[in-house]
C-alpha atoms as a PDB file:
ATOM      1  CA  MET A   1      -0.052  -0.149  -0.121  1.00  0.00           C
ATOM      2  CA  ASP A   2       1.492   3.270  -0.847  1.00  0.00           C
ATOM      3  CA  ILE A   3       1.571   6.232   1.536  1.00  0.00           C
ATOM      4  CA  ARG A   4      -1.399   8.251   0.264  1.00  0.00           C
ATOM      5  CA  ARG A   5      -3.717   5.034   0.709  1.00  0.00           C
ATOM      6  CA  ALA A   6      -2.172   4.396   4.068  1.00  0.00           C
ATOM      7  CA  ILE A   7      -2.909   8.015   5.278  1.00  0.00           C
ATOM      8  CA  ARG A   8      -6.299   7.926   3.722  1.00  0.00           C
ATOM      9  CA  ASN A   9      -7.319   4.733   5.617  1.00  0.00           C
ATOM     10  CA  ALA A  10      -6.032   6.104   8.886  1.00  0.00           C
ATOM     11  CA  LEU A  11      -8.083   9.396   8.483  1.00  0.00           C
ATOM     12  CA  GLY A  12     -11.374   7.339   7.425  1.00  0.00           C
ATOM     13  CA  GLY A  13     -11.293   6.724   3.648  1.00  0.00           C
ATOM     14  CA  GLY A  14     -11.919   9.230   0.678  1.00  0.00           C
ATOM     15  CA  ALA A  15      -9.542  10.009  -2.158  1.00  0.00           C
ATOM     16  CA  ASP A  16      -5.762   9.290  -2.165  1.00  0.00           C
ATOM     17  CA  ILE A  17      -4.190  12.151  -0.309  1.00  0.00           C
ATOM     18  CA  ASP A  18      -1.929  14.659  -2.187  1.00  0.00           C
ATOM     19  CA  ILE A  19       0.978  15.458   0.642  1.00  0.00           C
ATOM     20  CA  SER A  20       2.069  18.687  -0.715  1.00  0.00           C
ATOM     21  CA  THR A  21      -1.770  19.910  -1.070  1.00  0.00           C
ATOM     22  CA  GLU A  22      -2.403  18.678   2.772  1.00  0.00           C
ATOM     23  CA  PHE A  23       0.868  20.440   3.803  1.00  0.00           C
ATOM     24  CA  SER A  24      -0.496  23.807   2.402  1.00  0.00           C
ATOM     25  CA  GLU A  25      -3.874  23.101   3.783  1.00  0.00           C
ATOM     26  CA  LEU A  26      -2.525  22.332   7.301  1.00  0.00           C
ATOM     27  CA  LYS A  27      -0.210  25.456   7.500  1.00  0.00           C
ATOM     28  CA  GLU A  28      -3.172  27.819   6.382  1.00  0.00           C
ATOM     29  CA  ALA A  29      -5.432  26.147   8.928  1.00  0.00           C
ATOM     30  CA  LEU A  30      -2.889  26.644  11.704  1.00  0.00           C
ATOM     31  CA  ARG A  31      -2.193  30.084  10.437  1.00  0.00           C
ATOM     32  CA  THR A  32      -5.728  30.898  10.522  1.00  0.00           C
ATOM     33  CA  LEU A  33      -6.080  29.313  14.094  1.00  0.00           C
ATOM     34  CA  THR A  34      -3.479  31.520  15.373  1.00  0.00           C
ATOM     35  CA  GLU A  35      -4.009  34.766  13.720  1.00  0.00           C
ATOM     36  CA  ALA A  36      -5.241  37.910  15.492  1.00  0.00           C
ATOM     37  CA  SER A  37      -5.097  41.440  14.869  1.00  0.00           C
ATOM     38  CA  VAL A  38      -4.424  44.315  17.459  1.00  0.00           C
ATOM     39  CA  ASP A  39      -5.077  46.992  15.128  1.00  0.00           C
ATOM     40  CA  THR A  40      -6.094  47.883  11.827  1.00  0.00           C
ATOM     41  CA  GLY A  41      -6.337  50.853   9.511  1.00  0.00           C
ATOM     42  CA  VAL A  42      -5.828  52.902   6.195  1.00  0.00           C
ATOM     43  CA  ALA A  43      -2.250  54.412   5.664  1.00  0.00           C
ATOM     44  CA  ASP A  44      -1.696  58.040   4.795  1.00  0.00           C
ATOM     45  CA  ALA A  45      -0.272  59.397   1.879  1.00  0.00           C
ATOM     46  CA  THR A  46       2.839  60.842   3.565  1.00  0.00           C
ATOM     47  CA  SER A  47       3.942  57.115   4.027  1.00  0.00           C
ATOM     48  CA  LEU A  48       7.482  55.917   2.821  1.00  0.00           C
ATOM     49  CA  VAL A  49       9.350  52.693   2.471  1.00  0.00           C
ATOM     50  CA  ASN A  50      10.616  53.060   5.947  1.00  0.00           C
ATOM     51  CA  ARG A  51       7.448  54.334   7.655  1.00  0.00           C
ATOM     52  CA  LEU A  52       3.784  53.877   7.541  1.00  0.00           C
ATOM     53  CA  ASP A  53       1.960  56.927   8.676  1.00  0.00           C
ATOM     54  CA  ASP A  54      -1.780  56.886  10.323  1.00  0.00           C
ATOM     55  CA  SER A  55      -2.761  60.308  11.381  1.00  0.00           C
ATOM     56  CA  ALA A  56      -6.283  58.896  12.549  1.00  0.00           C
ATOM     57  CA  LYS A  57      -4.214  57.030  15.345  1.00  0.00           C
ATOM     58  CA  SER A  58      -3.140  57.679  18.858  1.00  0.00           C
ATOM     59  CA  TRP A  59      -0.867  54.753  20.006  1.00  0.00           C
ATOM     60  CA  PRO A  60       1.242  54.265  23.000  1.00  0.00           C
ATOM     61  CA  VAL A  61       4.909  54.749  21.597  1.00  0.00           C
ATOM     62  CA  ASP A  62       6.723  51.627  21.028  1.00  0.00           C
ATOM     63  CA  ALA A  63       3.514  49.581  21.855  1.00  0.00           C
ATOM     64  CA  PHE A  64       3.875  47.399  18.721  1.00  0.00           C
ATOM     65  CA  LYS A  65       7.599  46.723  18.816  1.00  0.00           C
ATOM     66  CA  ASP A  66       8.579  43.436  17.922  1.00  0.00           C
ATOM     67  CA  LEU A  67       4.922  42.722  16.235  1.00  0.00           C
ATOM     68  CA  ILE A  68       3.732  42.035  12.819  1.00  0.00           C
ATOM     69  CA  VAL A  69       2.445  44.898  10.278  1.00  0.00           C
ATOM     70  CA  GLU A  70       0.810  43.430   7.202  1.00  0.00           C
ATOM     71  CA  ILE A  71      -0.479  45.325   4.031  1.00  0.00           C
ATOM     72  CA  THR A  72      -3.981  43.675   3.354  1.00  0.00           C
ATOM     73  CA  ALA A  73      -5.019  45.616   0.337  1.00  0.00           C
ATOM     74  CA  GLY A  74      -4.288  48.658  -1.966  1.00  0.00           C
ATOM     75  CA  THR A  75      -0.846  49.745  -2.826  1.00  0.00           C
ATOM     76  CA  GLY A  76       1.988  47.078  -1.418  1.00  0.00           C
ATOM     77  CA  GLU A  77      -0.711  44.336  -0.584  1.00  0.00           C
ATOM     78  CA  GLY A  78       0.805  41.162   0.705  1.00  0.00           C
ATOM     79  CA  GLN A  79       3.801  43.006   2.218  1.00  0.00           C
ATOM     80  CA  ILE A  80       4.593  41.832   5.986  1.00  0.00           C
ATOM     81  CA  ARG A  81       7.296  43.333   7.922  1.00  0.00           C
ATOM     82  CA  LYS A  82       8.397  43.069  11.808  1.00  0.00           C
ATOM     83  CA  ILE A  83       7.868  46.549  13.524  1.00  0.00           C
ATOM     84  CA  ALA A  84      11.084  48.059  14.766  1.00  0.00           C
ATOM     85  CA  SER A  85       9.372  50.907  16.635  1.00  0.00           C
ATOM     86  CA  ASN A  86       6.201  53.138  16.619  1.00  0.00           C
ATOM     87  CA  THR A  87       5.286  56.843  17.537  1.00  0.00           C
ATOM     88  CA  ALA A  88       1.680  57.948  18.227  1.00  0.00           C
ATOM     89  CA  THR A  89       0.903  57.796  14.234  1.00  0.00           C
ATOM     90  CA  SER A  90       3.811  55.921  12.426  1.00  0.00           C
ATOM     91  CA  LEU A  91       5.099  52.360  12.324  1.00  0.00           C
ATOM     92  CA  VAL A  92       8.681  51.670  11.400  1.00  0.00           C
ATOM     93  CA  PRO A  93       9.578  48.449   9.877  1.00  0.00           C
ATOM     94  CA  VAL A  94      12.848  46.692  10.732  1.00  0.00           C
ATOM     95  CA  THR A  95      13.074  46.154   6.857  1.00  0.00           C
ATOM     96  CA  ASN A  96      12.069  48.734   4.427  1.00  0.00           C
ATOM     97  CA  PHE A  97       8.793  47.918   2.643  1.00  0.00           C
ATOM     98  CA  ALA A  98       9.674  47.208  -1.345  1.00  0.00           C
ATOM     99  CA  THR A  99       6.799  49.493  -2.237  1.00  0.00           C
ATOM    100  CA  ALA A 100       5.884  52.226   0.008  1.00  0.00           C
ATOM    101  CA  PRO A 101       2.216  52.507   1.381  1.00  0.00           C
ATOM    102  CA  ASP A 102      -0.180  55.189   0.393  1.00  0.00           C
ATOM    103  CA  ALA A 103      -3.779  56.267   0.814  1.00  0.00           C
ATOM    104  CA  THR A 104      -4.991  53.058  -0.613  1.00  0.00           C
ATOM    105  CA  SER A 105      -3.085  50.763   1.623  1.00  0.00           C
ATOM    106  CA  ARG A 106      -4.957  48.912   4.336  1.00  0.00           C
ATOM    107  CA  TYR A 107      -3.020  47.104   7.116  1.00  0.00           C
ATOM    108  CA  ARG A 108      -3.373  45.222  10.115  1.00  0.00           C
ATOM    109  CA  ILE A 109      -1.206  44.809  13.086  1.00  0.00           C
ATOM    110  CA  GLY A 110      -0.934  41.462  14.954  1.00  0.00           C
ATOM    111  CA  PHE A 111       1.157  39.060  16.899  1.00  0.00           C
ATOM    112  CA  TYR A 112       0.394  36.291  14.868  1.00  0.00           C
ATOM    113  CA  GLY A 113       3.905  35.995  12.884  1.00  0.00           C
ATOM    114  CA  LYS A 114       5.452  35.230  15.951  1.00  0.00           C
ATOM    115  CA  MET A 115       3.250  31.864  16.608  1.00  0.00           C
ATOM    116  CA  THR A 116       2.471  31.104  12.778  1.00  0.00           C
ATOM    117  CA  GLY A 117       6.077  30.393  12.021  1.00  0.00           C
ATOM    118  CA  ASP A 118       6.874  28.443  15.103  1.00  0.00           C
ATOM    119  CA  ILE A 119       3.872  26.050  14.411  1.00  0.00           C
ATOM    120  CA  SER A 120       4.329  25.947  10.727  1.00  0.00           C
ATOM    121  CA  ASP A 121       7.808  24.689  11.152  1.00  0.00           C
ATOM    122  CA  ARG A 122       6.450  22.025  13.767  1.00  0.00           C
ATOM    123  CA  ALA A 123       3.931  21.115  11.403  1.00  0.00           C
ATOM    124  CA  ALA A 124       6.585  20.407   8.617  1.00  0.00           C
ATOM    125  CA  ARG A 125       8.360  18.206  11.132  1.00  0.00           C
ATOM    126  CA  LEU A 126       5.084  16.470  11.751  1.00  0.00           C
ATOM    127  CA  LEU A 127       4.095  15.679   8.357  1.00  0.00           C
ATOM    128  CA  GLY A 128       7.675  14.176   7.943  1.00  0.00           C
ATOM    129  CA  ILE A 129       6.706  11.568  10.506  1.00  0.00           C
ATOM    130  CA  VAL A 130       3.986  10.542   7.649  1.00  0.00           C
ATOM    131  CA  TYR A 131       6.750   8.744   5.779  1.00  0.00           C
ATOM    132  CA  GLY A 132       8.035   6.642   8.830  1.00  0.00           C
ATOM    133  CA  ASN A 133       4.877   5.882  10.881  1.00  0.00           C
ATOM    134  CA  VAL A 134       1.398   6.841   9.660  1.00  0.00           C
ATOM    135  CA  ASP A 135      -0.238   5.368  12.734  1.00  0.00           C
ATOM    136  CA  GLN A 136       1.352   7.917  15.139  1.00  0.00           C
ATOM    137  CA  LEU A 137       0.785  10.805  13.012  1.00  0.00           C
ATOM    138  CA  GLN A 138      -2.661  11.954  14.514  1.00  0.00           C
ATOM    139  CA  GLN A 139      -1.377  11.571  17.825  1.00  0.00           C
ATOM    140  CA  THR A 140       1.997  13.391  17.629  1.00  0.00           C
ATOM    141  CA  VAL A 141       0.032  15.937  15.825  1.00  0.00           C
ATOM    142  CA  ALA A 142      -2.133  16.470  18.785  1.00  0.00           C
ATOM    143  CA  LYS A 143       0.536  16.394  21.276  1.00  0.00           C
ATOM    144  CA  ASN A 144       2.704  18.822  19.751  1.00  0.00           C
ATOM    145  CA  LEU A 145      -0.039  21.137  18.679  1.00  0.00           C
ATOM    146  CA  LYS A 146      -1.358  21.238  22.150  1.00  0.00           C
ATOM    147  CA  ALA A 147       2.220  22.038  23.368  1.00  0.00           C
ATOM    148  CA  SER A 148       2.659  24.606  20.722  1.00  0.00           C
ATOM    149  CA  ILE A 149      -0.466  26.469  21.957  1.00  0.00           C
ATOM    150  CA  GLU A 150       0.102  26.078  25.781  1.00  0.00           C
ATOM    151  CA  GLU A 151       3.524  27.691  25.111  1.00  0.00           C
ATOM    152  CA  HIS A 152       1.834  30.989  23.877  1.00  0.00           C
ATOM    153  CA  LEU A 153      -1.103  31.007  26.669  1.00  0.00           C
ATOM    154  CA  ALA A 154       0.557  31.853  29.937  1.00  0.00           C
ATOM    155  CA  ALA A 155       3.431  31.223  31.837  1.00  0.00           C
ATOM    156  CA  THR A 156       5.292  32.165  35.204  1.00  0.00           C
ATOM    157  CA  VAL A 157       8.694  34.081  35.190  1.00  0.00           C
ATOM    158  CA  VAL A 158      10.663  34.305  38.062  1.00  0.00           C
ATOM    159  CA  LEU A 159      12.627  37.678  38.689  1.00  0.00           C
ATOM    160  CA  HIS A 160      13.662  36.583  42.171  1.00  0.00           C
ATOM    161  CA  ALA A 161      13.154  33.632  44.059  1.00  0.00           C
ATOM    162  CA  SER A 162      11.760  33.831  47.522  1.00  0.00           C
ATOM    163  CA  GLY A 163      15.043  34.389  49.691  1.00  0.00           C
ATOM    164  CA  PRO A 164      16.561  36.992  52.071  1.00  0.00           C
ATOM    165  CA  GLU A 165      18.541  40.242  50.925  1.00  0.00           C
ATOM    166  CA  THR A 166      20.268  42.262  53.273  1.00  0.00           C
ATOM    167  CA  THR A 167      21.576  44.877  51.179  1.00  0.00           C
ATOM    168  CA  SER A 168      20.070  46.844  48.161  1.00  0.00           C
ATOM    169  CA  GLY A 169      20.659  45.400  44.841  1.00  0.00           C
ATOM    170  CA  ASN A 170      19.065  43.890  41.667  1.00  0.00           C
ATOM    171  CA  GLY A 171      18.453  40.821  39.706  1.00  0.00           C
ATOM    172  CA  ALA A 172      19.317  39.886  36.325  1.00  0.00           C
ATOM    173  CA  ASP A 173      17.837  41.018  33.022  1.00  0.00           C
ATOM    174  CA  THR A 174      15.239  38.539  31.951  1.00  0.00           C
ATOM    175  CA  ASP A 175      13.771  37.947  28.463  1.00  0.00           C
ATOM    176  CA  VAL A 176      10.076  38.644  28.371  1.00  0.00           C
ATOM    177  CA  GLY A 177       9.681  39.621  24.883  1.00  0.00           C
ATOM    178  CA  LYS A 178       7.299  37.093  23.774  1.00  0.00           C
ATOM    179  CA  TYR A 179       4.611  38.285  26.465  1.00  0.00           C
ATOM    180  CA  LEU A 180       1.975  40.926  25.633  1.00  0.00           C
ATOM    181  CA  TYR A 181       0.525  41.066  28.899  1.00  0.00           C
ATOM    182  CA  ALA A 182       1.417  40.429  32.483  1.00  0.00           C
ATOM    183  CA  GLU A 183       0.679  40.264  36.206  1.00  0.00           C
ATOM    184  CA  THR A 184       3.694  41.093  38.559  1.00  0.00           C
ATOM    185  CA  CYS A 185       3.414  39.697  42.101  1.00  0.00           C
ATOM    186  CA  ILE A 186       5.793  41.164  44.802  1.00  0.00           C
ATOM    187  CA  ASN A 187       5.532  39.037  48.011  1.00  0.00           C
ATOM    188  CA  VAL A 188       7.306  39.816  51.157  1.00  0.00           C
ATOM    189  CA  THR A 189       7.362  37.159  53.935  1.00  0.00           C
ATOM    190  CA  ALA A 190       9.980  38.438  56.220  1.00  0.00           C
ATOM    191  CA  PHE A 191      11.101  41.875  57.233  1.00  0.00           C
ATOM    192  CA  ALA A 192      13.419  43.008  60.293  1.00  0.00           C
ATOM    193  CA  ASP A 193      15.506  45.788  61.102  1.00  0.00           C
ATOM    194  CA  MET A 194      14.884  48.393  58.566  1.00  0.00           C
ATOM    195  CA  ALA A 195      12.521  51.597  58.119  1.00  0.00           C
ATOM    196  CA  SER A 196      11.070  50.217  55.098  1.00  0.00           C
ATOM    197  CA  ALA A 197      11.981  48.310  51.550  1.00  0.00           C
ATOM    198  CA  ASP A 198      11.302  49.641  48.091  1.00  0.00           C
ATOM    199  CA  LEU A 199      10.612  46.651  45.799  1.00  0.00           C
ATOM    200  CA  ILE A 200      10.816  47.333  42.183  1.00  0.00           C
ATOM    201  CA  VAL A 201       9.992  45.490  38.550  1.00  0.00           C
ATOM    202  CA  GLU A 202      11.926  47.694  35.981  1.00  0.00           C
ATOM    203  CA  GLY A 203      12.101  47.430  32.030  1.00  0.00           C
ATOM    204  CA  LYS A 204      15.097  47.991  30.045  1.00  0.00           C
ATOM    205  CA  ASP A 205      15.600  50.303  27.233  1.00  0.00           C
ATOM    206  CA  GLU A 206      17.541  48.020  24.603  1.00  0.00           C
ATOM    207  CA  THR A 207      19.260  50.961  22.960  1.00  0.00           C
ATOM    208  CA  SER A 208      20.670  53.086  26.101  1.00  0.00           C
ATOM    209  CA  GLY A 209      20.702  50.365  28.631  1.00  0.00           C
ATOM    210  CA  LYS A 210      18.750  52.331  31.098  1.00  0.00           C
ATOM    211  CA  TYR A 211      15.676  50.947  33.027  1.00  0.00           C
ATOM    212  CA  LYS A 212      11.884  52.223  33.692  1.00  0.00           C
ATOM    213  CA  THR A 213       9.915  51.532  37.034  1.00  0.00           C
ATOM    214  CA  ILE A 214       6.716  49.277  35.786  1.00  0.00           C
ATOM    215  CA  HIS A 215       5.881  48.333  39.487  1.00  0.00           C
ATOM    216  CA  THR A 216       7.310  49.556  42.508  1.00  0.00           C
ATOM    217  CA  HIS A 217       5.865  49.336  46.126  1.00  0.00           C
ATOM    218  CA  ASN A 218       7.159  50.403  49.690  1.00  0.00           C
ATOM    219  CA  PHE A 219       6.817  47.649  52.291  1.00  0.00           C
ATOM    220  CA  THR A 220       7.339  48.398  56.161  1.00  0.00           C
ATOM    221  CA  ALA A 221       6.153  45.178  56.935  1.00  0.00           C
ATOM    222  CA  THR A 222       5.186  41.764  55.308  1.00  0.00           C
ATOM    223  CA  GLY A 223       2.439  41.926  52.549  1.00  0.00           C
ATOM    224  CA  THR A 224       1.812  41.300  48.695  1.00  0.00           C
ATOM    225  CA  ASP A 225       1.375  43.686  45.959  1.00  0.00           C
ATOM    226  CA  TRP A 226       0.125  42.972  42.344  1.00  0.00           C
ATOM    227  CA  LEU A 227       0.157  45.079  39.019  1.00  0.00           C
ATOM    228  CA  SER A 228      -1.777  44.425  35.869  1.00  0.00           C
ATOM    229  CA  ILE A 229       0.227  45.439  32.556  1.00  0.00           C
ATOM    230  CA  THR A 230      -2.063  45.419  29.867  1.00  0.00           C
ATOM    231  CA  MET A 231       0.767  45.958  27.116  1.00  0.00           C
ATOM    232  CA  LEU A 232       4.354  44.692  28.107  1.00  0.00           C
ATOM    233  CA  ALA A 233       6.560  46.905  25.799  1.00  0.00           C
ATOM    234  CA  PHE A 234       9.929  45.845  27.114  1.00  0.00           C
ATOM    235  CA  GLN A 235      12.168  42.662  25.656  1.00  0.00           C
ATOM    236  CA  HIS A 236      13.914  42.411  28.885  1.00  0.00           C
ATOM    237  CA  VAL A 237      12.791  43.316  32.831  1.00  0.00           C
ATOM    238  CA  ARG A 238      14.393  42.866  36.204  1.00  0.00           C
ATOM    239  CA  ALA A 239      13.805  43.200  39.911  1.00  0.00           C
ATOM    240  CA  ARG A 240      15.488  45.764  42.198  1.00  0.00           C
ATOM    241  CA  TRP A 241      15.355  46.328  45.927  1.00  0.00           C
ATOM    242  CA  VAL A 242      16.181  49.236  48.148  1.00  0.00           C
ATOM    243  CA  ILE A 243      16.590  48.999  51.776  1.00  0.00           C
ATOM    244  CA  ASN A 244      15.835  52.227  53.679  1.00  0.00           C
ATOM    245  CA  THR A 245      17.473  52.950  57.041  1.00  0.00           C
ATOM    246  CA  PRO A 246      18.735  49.728  57.753  1.00  0.00           C
ATOM    247  CA  GLY A 247      19.679  48.992  61.537  1.00  0.00           C
ATOM    248  CA  GLY A 248      22.375  46.674  62.514  1.00  0.00           C
ATOM    249  CA  SER A 249      21.146  43.590  60.813  1.00  0.00           C
ATOM    250  CA  PRO A 250      18.582  44.338  58.441  1.00  0.00           C
ATOM    251  CA  SER A 251      16.837  41.381  56.106  1.00  0.00           C
ATOM    252  CA  ILE A 252      13.916  41.126  53.914  1.00  0.00           C
ATOM    253  CA  THR A 253      12.680  37.721  52.486  1.00  0.00           C
ATOM    254  CA  PHE A 254      10.655  38.236  49.208  1.00  0.00           C
ATOM    255  CA  SER A 255      10.024  36.613  45.766  1.00  0.00           C
ATOM    256  CA  VAL A 256       9.109  38.845  42.678  1.00  0.00           C
ATOM    257  CA  ALA A 257       7.354  36.899  39.719  1.00  0.00           C
ATOM    258  CA  LEU A 258       5.681  37.845  36.571  1.00  0.00           C
ATOM    259  CA  GLN A 259       2.743  35.914  34.990  1.00  0.00           C
ATOM    260  CA  GLY A 260       2.989  36.416  31.248  1.00  0.00           C
ATOM    261  CA  LYS A 261       0.763  35.935  28.421  1.00  0.00           C
ATOM    262  CA  SER A 262       1.068  36.118  24.579  1.00  0.00           C
END
């Protein structure tokens, strides 16, 4: 029995299967499943090959960094570019557009590009299994697709594991670039011999190396503080702590964690 009939029988009958056609259809189905638009609009005539303008917008600066912009209709249709930065009314692509958008160019912004490539690569590997073991195809597809989707749902990132600190300091930079939304949690479980302590979550500017405070709370005793972040714009974040007016043996035991979601 040839491979097409083997797959046909495994999937419940029907015509012989064309492997290349099935791969294309599976890839398109996965793309449709994972795509989601963050924003859409129509470009202005002032747009250039290195900039898409939309004066109707009022975006937070760099809110769309590392996401994807796609020209969906009009001049430049089909062009897809990763976003390097954005102002309130302009998107700057990492690589220039081959054709500059104009007033006929409709576009959308999304994170689907980050997910589709991962899943398409996995799909290609899964389809390769057909040639070796048709019987395991469906089980392997289900297992790996589930793992891929879960990877983009939610995860815990530890910025400071629970433990004591006796002097001011900071943790290492941690990559959180794949997350769009986050909840940060600062939890203090022991507090001794100091007036107070400032516990801080900071985002890093990749160009200057400087840090901006995302979440801060002044603790004078044990406790927990949370913050919801609706648009996480930083590639790297870290925890920092400042011990204020220490006594002879200051000590604070705490943890800092980020619950990230793509």
